[in-house]
Amino acid sequence: MKKKIRVMIILLISIVIIDQISKILIINFLKEPIGNDYLKLEIVNNTGMAFGFNSGNTKNIFLTIFVLAIVLTFVKNQIERIDMKTTIVIGMVLGGAVSNLVDRIFRKGIIDFIKIYKIPTFNVADIAIVIGWILIIIFLIDYSRKTR
């Protein structure tokens, strides 16, 4: 159990550090957008939730904290039942969520800077969150097939 918690915390902290460093570098060195219609780096201050949904709502920070509290409560109560691969992806999701929460608190919005074709602008934390949730869904589907 201690090993799973340690892995989750190390992953969470690593994602926060990588995401925050990438945002600091972009803020300090990207003076104007670079790229084309298919791949572009441009700074966007996202005050909404995922993909800019609910933009400008000051209650987004409370919703983020609420969701984090639910996930942390789940992890606390289920850590012995969770396997290592699920521990890793939960660490990814939590790392991305915490890093975006840091932005909400200290920057009054989330710094997004990667734009790929028609996908809304995103950041490193968003990548960790999306990949983490996709893997969680895959693991749940796989688990449900095994228990039939």
C-alpha atoms as a PDB file:
ATOM      1  CA  MET A   1       0.000   0.000   0.000  1.00  0.00           C
ATOM      2  CA  LYS A   2       2.779   2.455   0.872  1.00  0.00           C
ATOM      3  CA  LYS A   3       4.467   1.763  -2.460  1.00  0.00           C
ATOM      4  CA  LYS A   4       1.256   2.612  -4.383  1.00  0.00           C
ATOM      5  CA  ILE A   5       0.815   5.870  -2.483  1.00  0.00           C
ATOM      6  CA  ARG A   6       4.467   6.765  -3.028  1.00  0.00           C
ATOM      7  CA  VAL A   7       4.189   6.064  -6.779  1.00  0.00           C
ATOM      8  CA  MET A   8       0.994   8.125  -7.005  1.00  0.00           C
ATOM      9  CA  ILE A   9       2.546  11.082  -5.145  1.00  0.00           C
ATOM     10  CA  ILE A  10       5.765  10.983  -7.209  1.00  0.00           C
ATOM     11  CA  LEU A  11       3.757  10.946 -10.436  1.00  0.00           C
ATOM     12  CA  LEU A  12       1.443  13.716  -9.224  1.00  0.00           C
ATOM     13  CA  ILE A  13       4.378  15.962  -8.244  1.00  0.00           C
ATOM     14  CA  SER A  14       6.270  15.185 -11.479  1.00  0.00           C
ATOM     15  CA  ILE A  15       3.306  16.174 -13.643  1.00  0.00           C
ATOM     16  CA  VAL A  16       2.781  19.399 -11.663  1.00  0.00           C
ATOM     17  CA  ILE A  17       6.465  20.308 -12.053  1.00  0.00           C
ATOM     18  CA  ILE A  18       6.619  19.487 -15.792  1.00  0.00           C
ATOM     19  CA  ASP A  19       3.351  21.335 -16.485  1.00  0.00           C
ATOM     20  CA  GLN A  20       4.273  24.419 -14.463  1.00  0.00           C
ATOM     21  CA  ILE A  21       7.757  24.613 -16.001  1.00  0.00           C
ATOM     22  CA  SER A  22       6.266  24.334 -19.505  1.00  0.00           C
ATOM     23  CA  LYS A  23       3.836  27.169 -18.701  1.00  0.00           C
ATOM     24  CA  ILE A  24       6.583  29.380 -17.244  1.00  0.00           C
ATOM     25  CA  LEU A  25       8.713  28.817 -20.356  1.00  0.00           C
ATOM     26  CA  ILE A  26       5.806  29.572 -22.700  1.00  0.00           C
ATOM     27  CA  ILE A  27       4.812  32.718 -20.786  1.00  0.00           C
ATOM     28  CA  ASN A  28       8.394  34.025 -20.740  1.00  0.00           C
ATOM     29  CA  PHE A  29       9.528  33.110 -24.244  1.00  0.00           C
ATOM     30  CA  LEU A  30       6.503  32.914 -26.549  1.00  0.00           C
ATOM     31  CA  LYS A  31       5.880  36.499 -27.567  1.00  0.00           C
ATOM     32  CA  GLU A  32       3.552  35.716 -30.485  1.00  0.00           C
ATOM     33  CA  PRO A  33       1.875  32.536 -31.760  1.00  0.00           C
ATOM     34  CA  ILE A  34       4.055  30.205 -33.834  1.00  0.00           C
ATOM     35  CA  GLY A  35       2.987  27.383 -36.096  1.00  0.00           C
ATOM     36  CA  ASN A  36       0.219  26.838 -38.612  1.00  0.00           C
ATOM     37  CA  ASP A  37      -3.414  25.705 -38.784  1.00  0.00           C
ATOM     38  CA  TYR A  38      -2.444  22.135 -37.873  1.00  0.00           C
ATOM     39  CA  LEU A  39      -0.023  22.732 -34.983  1.00  0.00           C
ATOM     40  CA  LYS A  40       0.388  26.016 -33.196  1.00  0.00           C
ATOM     41  CA  LEU A  41       1.808  27.318 -29.930  1.00  0.00           C
ATOM     42  CA  GLU A  42      -0.214  30.230 -28.591  1.00  0.00           C
ATOM     43  CA  ILE A  43      -1.024  31.393 -25.084  1.00  0.00           C
ATOM     44  CA  VAL A  44      -4.688  31.159 -24.082  1.00  0.00           C
ATOM     45  CA  ASN A  45      -5.943  32.010 -20.598  1.00  0.00           C
ATOM     46  CA  ASN A  46      -8.755  29.517 -20.036  1.00  0.00           C
ATOM     47  CA  THR A  47     -11.093  30.624 -17.244  1.00  0.00           C
ATOM     48  CA  GLY A  48     -13.479  27.769 -17.966  1.00  0.00           C
ATOM     49  CA  MET A  49     -13.369  24.052 -17.411  1.00  0.00           C
ATOM     50  CA  ALA A  50     -12.276  21.494 -20.013  1.00  0.00           C
ATOM     51  CA  PHE A  51     -12.196  22.958 -23.537  1.00  0.00           C
ATOM     52  CA  GLY A  52     -13.257  26.369 -22.194  1.00  0.00           C
ATOM     53  CA  PHE A  53     -16.675  25.101 -21.065  1.00  0.00           C
ATOM     54  CA  ASN A  54     -18.283  27.341 -18.422  1.00  0.00           C
ATOM     55  CA  SER A  55     -15.782  30.098 -19.130  1.00  0.00           C
ATOM     56  CA  GLY A  56     -15.607  33.007 -16.727  1.00  0.00           C
ATOM     57  CA  ASN A  57     -17.444  31.223 -13.913  1.00  0.00           C
ATOM     58  CA  THR A  58     -15.630  31.984 -10.644  1.00  0.00           C
ATOM     59  CA  LYS A  59     -17.134  28.856  -9.077  1.00  0.00           C
ATOM     60  CA  ASN A  60     -14.982  26.615 -11.316  1.00  0.00           C
ATOM     61  CA  ILE A  61     -12.287  26.565  -8.641  1.00  0.00           C
ATOM     62  CA  PHE A  62     -14.756  25.137  -6.116  1.00  0.00           C
ATOM     63  CA  LEU A  63     -15.942  22.522  -8.591  1.00  0.00           C
ATOM     64  CA  THR A  64     -12.324  21.493  -9.205  1.00  0.00           C
ATOM     65  CA  ILE A  65     -11.661  21.191  -5.471  1.00  0.00           C
ATOM     66  CA  PHE A  66     -14.891  19.207  -5.027  1.00  0.00           C
ATOM     67  CA  VAL A  67     -13.963  16.721  -7.762  1.00  0.00           C
ATOM     68  CA  LEU A  68     -10.435  16.381  -6.354  1.00  0.00           C
ATOM     69  CA  ALA A  69     -11.894  15.688  -2.897  1.00  0.00           C
ATOM     70  CA  ILE A  70     -14.111  12.933  -4.328  1.00  0.00           C
ATOM     71  CA  VAL A  71     -11.207  11.284  -6.160  1.00  0.00           C
ATOM     72  CA  LEU A  72      -8.935  11.522  -3.100  1.00  0.00           C
ATOM     73  CA  THR A  73     -11.649  10.020  -0.884  1.00  0.00           C
ATOM     74  CA  PHE A  74     -12.106   7.169  -3.343  1.00  0.00           C
ATOM     75  CA  VAL A  75      -8.355   6.518  -3.448  1.00  0.00           C
ATOM     76  CA  LYS A  76      -8.081   6.633   0.349  1.00  0.00           C
ATOM     77  CA  ASN A  77     -10.906   4.108   0.762  1.00  0.00           C
ATOM     78  CA  GLN A  78      -9.893   1.799  -2.107  1.00  0.00           C
ATOM     79  CA  ILE A  79      -6.074   1.955  -2.200  1.00  0.00           C
ATOM     80  CA  GLU A  80      -5.685  -1.689  -1.165  1.00  0.00           C
ATOM     81  CA  ARG A  81      -7.988  -2.861  -3.977  1.00  0.00           C
ATOM     82  CA  ILE A  82      -6.472  -0.673  -6.690  1.00  0.00           C
ATOM     83  CA  ASP A  83      -3.750  -2.316  -8.793  1.00  0.00           C
ATOM     84  CA  MET A  84      -0.503  -0.542  -9.696  1.00  0.00           C
ATOM     85  CA  LYS A  85      -1.507   0.406 -13.267  1.00  0.00           C
ATOM     86  CA  THR A  86      -4.690   2.057 -11.970  1.00  0.00           C
ATOM     87  CA  THR A  87      -2.646   3.783  -9.257  1.00  0.00           C
ATOM     88  CA  ILE A  88      -0.419   5.226 -11.980  1.00  0.00           C
ATOM     89  CA  VAL A  89      -3.275   6.599 -14.080  1.00  0.00           C
ATOM     90  CA  ILE A  90      -4.997   8.057 -11.015  1.00  0.00           C
ATOM     91  CA  GLY A  91      -1.688   9.774 -10.231  1.00  0.00           C
ATOM     92  CA  MET A  92      -1.691  11.204 -13.767  1.00  0.00           C
ATOM     93  CA  VAL A  93      -5.237  12.548 -13.417  1.00  0.00           C
ATOM     94  CA  LEU A  94      -4.540  14.006  -9.970  1.00  0.00           C
ATOM     95  CA  GLY A  95      -1.257  15.570 -11.147  1.00  0.00           C
ATOM     96  CA  GLY A  96      -2.961  17.287 -14.058  1.00  0.00           C
ATOM     97  CA  ALA A  97      -5.874  18.431 -11.904  1.00  0.00           C
ATOM     98  CA  VAL A  98      -3.599  19.812  -9.174  1.00  0.00           C
ATOM     99  CA  SER A  99      -1.435  21.663 -11.681  1.00  0.00           C
ATOM    100  CA  ASN A 100      -4.474  23.255 -13.319  1.00  0.00           C
ATOM    101  CA  LEU A 101      -5.777  24.130  -9.838  1.00  0.00           C
ATOM    102  CA  VAL A 102      -2.463  25.900  -9.158  1.00  0.00           C
ATOM    103  CA  ASP A 103      -3.137  27.975 -12.289  1.00  0.00           C
ATOM    104  CA  ARG A 104      -6.677  28.792 -11.173  1.00  0.00           C
ATOM    105  CA  ILE A 105      -5.447  29.972  -7.789  1.00  0.00           C
ATOM    106  CA  PHE A 106      -2.309  31.885  -8.804  1.00  0.00           C
ATOM    107  CA  ARG A 107      -3.023  32.910 -12.413  1.00  0.00           C
ATOM    108  CA  LYS A 108      -6.836  33.337 -12.232  1.00  0.00           C
ATOM    109  CA  GLY A 109      -7.172  30.954 -15.174  1.00  0.00           C
ATOM    110  CA  ILE A 110      -5.466  27.988 -16.753  1.00  0.00           C
ATOM    111  CA  ILE A 111      -2.641  28.636 -19.209  1.00  0.00           C
ATOM    112  CA  ASP A 112      -3.214  26.597 -22.369  1.00  0.00           C
ATOM    113  CA  PHE A 113      -0.723  26.787 -25.228  1.00  0.00           C
ATOM    114  CA  ILE A 114      -0.845  23.740 -27.527  1.00  0.00           C
ATOM    115  CA  LYS A 115      -3.252  23.938 -30.464  1.00  0.00           C
ATOM    116  CA  ILE A 116      -3.676  20.961 -32.785  1.00  0.00           C
ATOM    117  CA  TYR A 117      -5.973  21.480 -35.757  1.00  0.00           C
ATOM    118  CA  LYS A 118      -9.573  21.837 -34.508  1.00  0.00           C
ATOM    119  CA  ILE A 119      -8.938  20.539 -30.977  1.00  0.00           C
ATOM    120  CA  PRO A 120      -9.322  23.280 -28.354  1.00  0.00           C
ATOM    121  CA  THR A 121      -6.041  24.642 -26.969  1.00  0.00           C
ATOM    122  CA  PHE A 122      -4.606  22.555 -24.125  1.00  0.00           C
ATOM    123  CA  ASN A 123      -1.525  22.068 -21.918  1.00  0.00           C
ATOM    124  CA  VAL A 124       0.631  19.288 -20.435  1.00  0.00           C
ATOM    125  CA  ALA A 125      -1.703  18.846 -17.437  1.00  0.00           C
ATOM    126  CA  ASP A 126      -4.639  18.351 -19.811  1.00  0.00           C
ATOM    127  CA  ILE A 127      -2.686  15.649 -21.644  1.00  0.00           C
ATOM    128  CA  ALA A 128      -2.116  13.789 -18.366  1.00  0.00           C
ATOM    129  CA  ILE A 129      -5.789  14.126 -17.399  1.00  0.00           C
ATOM    130  CA  VAL A 130      -7.162  12.960 -20.757  1.00  0.00           C
ATOM    131  CA  ILE A 131      -4.755  10.026 -21.120  1.00  0.00           C
ATOM    132  CA  GLY A 132      -5.414   9.074 -17.485  1.00  0.00           C
ATOM    133  CA  TRP A 133      -9.214   9.052 -17.909  1.00  0.00           C
ATOM    134  CA  ILE A 134      -9.003   7.141 -21.196  1.00  0.00           C
ATOM    135  CA  LEU A 135      -6.859   4.491 -19.508  1.00  0.00           C
ATOM    136  CA  ILE A 136      -9.200   4.323 -16.504  1.00  0.00           C
ATOM    137  CA  ILE A 137     -12.125   3.673 -18.864  1.00  0.00           C
ATOM    138  CA  ILE A 138     -10.119   1.004 -20.707  1.00  0.00           C
ATOM    139  CA  PHE A 139      -9.197  -0.637 -17.394  1.00  0.00           C
ATOM    140  CA  LEU A 140     -12.851  -0.586 -16.277  1.00  0.00           C
ATOM    141  CA  ILE A 141     -14.002  -2.180 -19.538  1.00  0.00           C
ATOM    142  CA  ASP A 142     -11.274  -4.823 -19.244  1.00  0.00           C
ATOM    143  CA  TYR A 143     -12.179  -5.466 -15.593  1.00  0.00           C
ATOM    144  CA  SER A 144     -15.890  -5.814 -16.389  1.00  0.00           C
ATOM    145  CA  ARG A 145     -15.087  -8.360 -19.139  1.00  0.00           C
ATOM    146  CA  LYS A 146     -12.964 -10.421 -16.726  1.00  0.00           C
ATOM    147  CA  THR A 147     -15.672 -10.512 -14.044  1.00  0.00           C
ATOM    148  CA  ARG A 148     -18.383 -11.871 -16.353  1.00  0.00           C
END
